Amino acid sequence: MHRPRSLLLTLALLVCMAAEVSACPMCSTNIESDQSLPRAYMYSILFMLAVPPTIFVGIGVAIYRAHARQARLMASAMGESAVGEPTGELAVAGNSPR
C-alpha cells in the first residue's frame, strides 16, 4: 500500500512543478534581440545531436573491420579463399582421403 501512495505523490509533484520548469529566460531574450543567434543555436543543437551517432557508428565500423580482418585471417589459415571456397593448399581434418 505504501508504493501506490508514493507513486501518486511523485506524480502530483511532477504535475505541480511542470508549470515552473521552463527554458532559460535569458536564452529566449537573447535570441529575440539578435538575428544571428538563432542560427548559432540551431548549429550547436545539430552538433550536439550528431556527436553520439557519429561515435556509435565509428565504434560499429571498428568492430566490423576487426571481425572481417579476423575472418580473413582464419580463412587464410584454413587455406580457404575469402568467399569460403577451398583453395586446395591445405587438407582440412575430416576431408583428407584415407
Protein backbone atom coordinates (compact mmCIF):
# COMPACT_ATOMS: atom_id res chain seq x y z
CA MET A 1 0.00 0.00 0.00
CA HIS A 2 2.97 2.28 0.57
CA ARG A 3 4.14 2.05 -3.03
CA PRO A 4 0.99 3.38 -4.77
CA ARG A 5 0.86 6.30 -2.34
CA SER A 6 4.46 7.29 -3.09
CA LEU A 7 3.78 6.93 -6.82
CA LEU A 8 0.77 9.24 -6.54
CA LEU A 9 2.79 11.74 -4.51
CA THR A 10 5.55 11.71 -7.13
CA LEU A 11 3.07 12.23 -9.96
CA ALA A 12 1.39 15.08 -8.07
CA LEU A 13 4.75 16.80 -7.54
CA LEU A 14 5.63 16.41 -11.21
CA VAL A 15 2.30 17.89 -12.29
CA CYS A 16 2.64 20.81 -9.88
CA MET A 17 6.22 21.54 -10.92
CA ALA A 18 5.56 21.26 -14.66
CA ALA A 19 4.50 24.90 -14.86
CA GLU A 20 7.65 26.01 -13.04
CA VAL A 21 10.05 24.17 -15.33
CA SER A 22 10.76 26.16 -18.46
CA ALA A 23 13.66 27.16 -20.66
CA CYS A 24 16.22 29.70 -19.57
CA PRO A 25 14.61 33.14 -19.87
CA MET A 26 17.91 34.68 -20.95
CA CYS A 27 18.13 32.37 -23.94
CA SER A 28 14.78 33.43 -25.34
CA THR A 29 15.52 37.12 -24.67
CA ASN A 30 18.89 36.96 -26.41
CA ILE A 31 17.53 35.05 -29.38
CA GLU A 32 14.83 37.65 -29.93
CA SER A 33 17.27 40.57 -29.83
CA ASP A 34 19.93 39.24 -32.23
CA GLN A 35 19.31 37.83 -35.70
CA SER A 36 22.46 35.67 -35.90
CA LEU A 37 21.94 33.81 -32.61
CA PRO A 38 19.04 31.58 -33.72
CA ARG A 39 21.22 30.12 -36.46
CA ALA A 40 24.09 29.66 -33.99
CA TYR A 41 21.80 27.86 -31.54
CA MET A 42 20.49 25.68 -34.36
CA TYR A 43 24.02 24.65 -35.39
CA SER A 44 25.05 23.96 -31.81
CA ILE A 45 21.99 21.75 -31.29
CA LEU A 46 22.67 19.90 -34.55
CA PHE A 47 26.27 19.39 -33.50
CA MET A 48 25.23 18.02 -30.11
CA LEU A 49 22.75 15.68 -31.79
CA ALA A 50 25.29 14.45 -34.35
CA VAL A 51 28.11 13.54 -31.96
CA PRO A 52 26.61 10.41 -30.30
CA PRO A 53 25.57 8.72 -33.59
CA THR A 54 29.00 9.51 -35.04
CA ILE A 55 30.69 7.87 -32.07
CA PHE A 56 28.45 4.79 -32.22
CA VAL A 57 28.90 4.41 -35.98
CA GLY A 58 32.67 4.73 -35.55
CA ILE A 59 32.66 2.01 -32.90
CA GLY A 60 30.45 -0.17 -35.10
CA VAL A 61 32.74 0.24 -38.11
CA ALA A 62 35.77 -0.59 -35.95
CA ILE A 63 34.07 -3.77 -34.67
CA TYR A 64 33.03 -4.75 -38.20
CA ARG A 65 36.55 -4.23 -39.56
CA ALA A 66 38.08 -6.22 -36.69
CA HIS A 67 35.62 -9.06 -37.31
CA ALA A 68 36.24 -9.01 -41.07
CA ARG A 69 40.00 -8.99 -40.51
CA GLN A 70 39.74 -11.92 -38.11
CA ALA A 71 37.60 -13.82 -40.63
CA ARG A 72 40.17 -13.20 -43.37
CA LEU A 73 42.99 -14.39 -41.10
CA MET A 74 41.05 -17.52 -40.17
CA ALA A 75 40.22 -18.19 -43.82
CA SER A 76 43.84 -17.83 -44.88
CA ALA A 77 44.97 -20.08 -42.03
CA MET A 78 42.45 -22.72 -43.08
CA GLY A 79 43.52 -22.46 -46.72
CA GLU A 80 40.23 -21.11 -47.95
CA SER A 81 39.53 -18.12 -50.11
CA ALA A 82 37.67 -15.13 -48.76
CA VAL A 83 34.32 -16.44 -50.00
CA GLY A 84 34.81 -19.78 -48.28
CA GLU A 85 35.83 -21.92 -51.24
CA PRO A 86 38.78 -24.22 -50.51
CA THR A 87 41.96 -23.44 -52.43
CA GLY A 88 43.31 -26.97 -52.13
CA GLU A 89 46.54 -25.92 -50.44
CA LEU A 90 45.76 -27.47 -47.06
CA ALA A 91 43.86 -30.63 -46.25
CA VAL A 92 41.15 -29.95 -43.71
CA ALA A 93 40.71 -32.56 -40.96
CA GLY A 94 37.89 -34.87 -41.89
CA ASN A 95 38.18 -34.19 -45.61
CA SER A 96 41.51 -35.94 -46.19
CA PRO A 97 41.43 -39.15 -48.25
CA ARG A 98 42.17 -42.43 -46.40
